[in-house]
Protein backbone atom coordinates (compact mmCIF):
# COMPACT_ATOMS: atom_id res chain seq x y z
CA MET A 1 -66.61 -48.13 39.06
CA THR A 2 -67.61 -50.06 41.96
CA THR A 3 -65.64 -49.59 45.52
CA GLY A 4 -64.17 -52.99 45.06
CA ALA A 5 -63.07 -52.57 41.59
CA PHE A 6 -61.21 -49.42 42.27
CA ILE A 7 -59.59 -50.69 45.31
CA LEU A 8 -58.26 -53.60 43.17
CA MET A 9 -57.25 -51.43 40.45
CA VAL A 10 -55.20 -49.31 43.05
CA THR A 11 -53.60 -52.33 44.87
CA VAL A 12 -52.51 -53.86 41.42
CA GLN A 13 -50.99 -50.85 40.21
CA LEU A 14 -49.31 -50.20 43.53
CA THR A 15 -47.88 -53.34 43.48
CA VAL A 16 -46.37 -53.36 40.19
CA THR A 17 -45.22 -49.70 40.68
CA ILE A 18 -43.32 -51.03 43.77
CA ILE A 19 -42.11 -54.17 42.35
CA THR A 20 -40.54 -52.42 39.16
CA ALA A 21 -39.16 -49.60 41.65
CA TYR A 22 -37.35 -52.26 43.35
CA PHE A 23 -36.03 -54.12 40.65
CA PHE A 24 -34.88 -50.72 39.04
CA TRP A 25 -32.95 -49.53 42.31
CA LYS A 26 -31.29 -52.99 42.59
CA VAL A 27 -29.92 -52.67 39.13
CA LEU A 28 -28.64 -49.17 39.60
CA LYS A 29 -26.95 -50.18 43.16
CA SER A 30 -25.35 -53.24 41.42
CA PRO A 31 -21.55 -53.35 41.18
CA LEU A 32 -20.08 -52.67 37.89
CA LYS A 33 -18.50 -55.63 36.27
CA PRO A 34 -14.91 -54.83 34.96
CA GLU A 35 -15.19 -54.45 30.98
CA PRO A 36 -12.34 -56.57 29.46
CA ASP A 37 -9.57 -54.76 27.59
CA SER A 38 -9.53 -56.36 23.91
CA TYR A 39 -6.36 -54.59 22.96
CA ALA A 40 -4.51 -56.30 25.97
CA ASP A 41 -6.35 -59.61 25.61
CA ASN A 42 -4.93 -60.01 22.04
CA ASP A 43 -1.63 -58.48 22.72
CA ASN A 44 0.41 -62.09 22.26
CA ASP A 45 -1.78 -63.51 19.66
CA PRO A 46 -0.41 -63.36 15.64
CA ARG A 47 -1.95 -61.05 13.73
């Protein structure tokens, strides 16, 4: 493997890893959305 190919390979792997980690972090730190309570929403519906 040439030096240029090795540098390109490491650069691409680092770029993909950093982008993946960034979006994974965004997902983990996003605020939770409240889940609707299906029983409370259907209290007034006839059965």
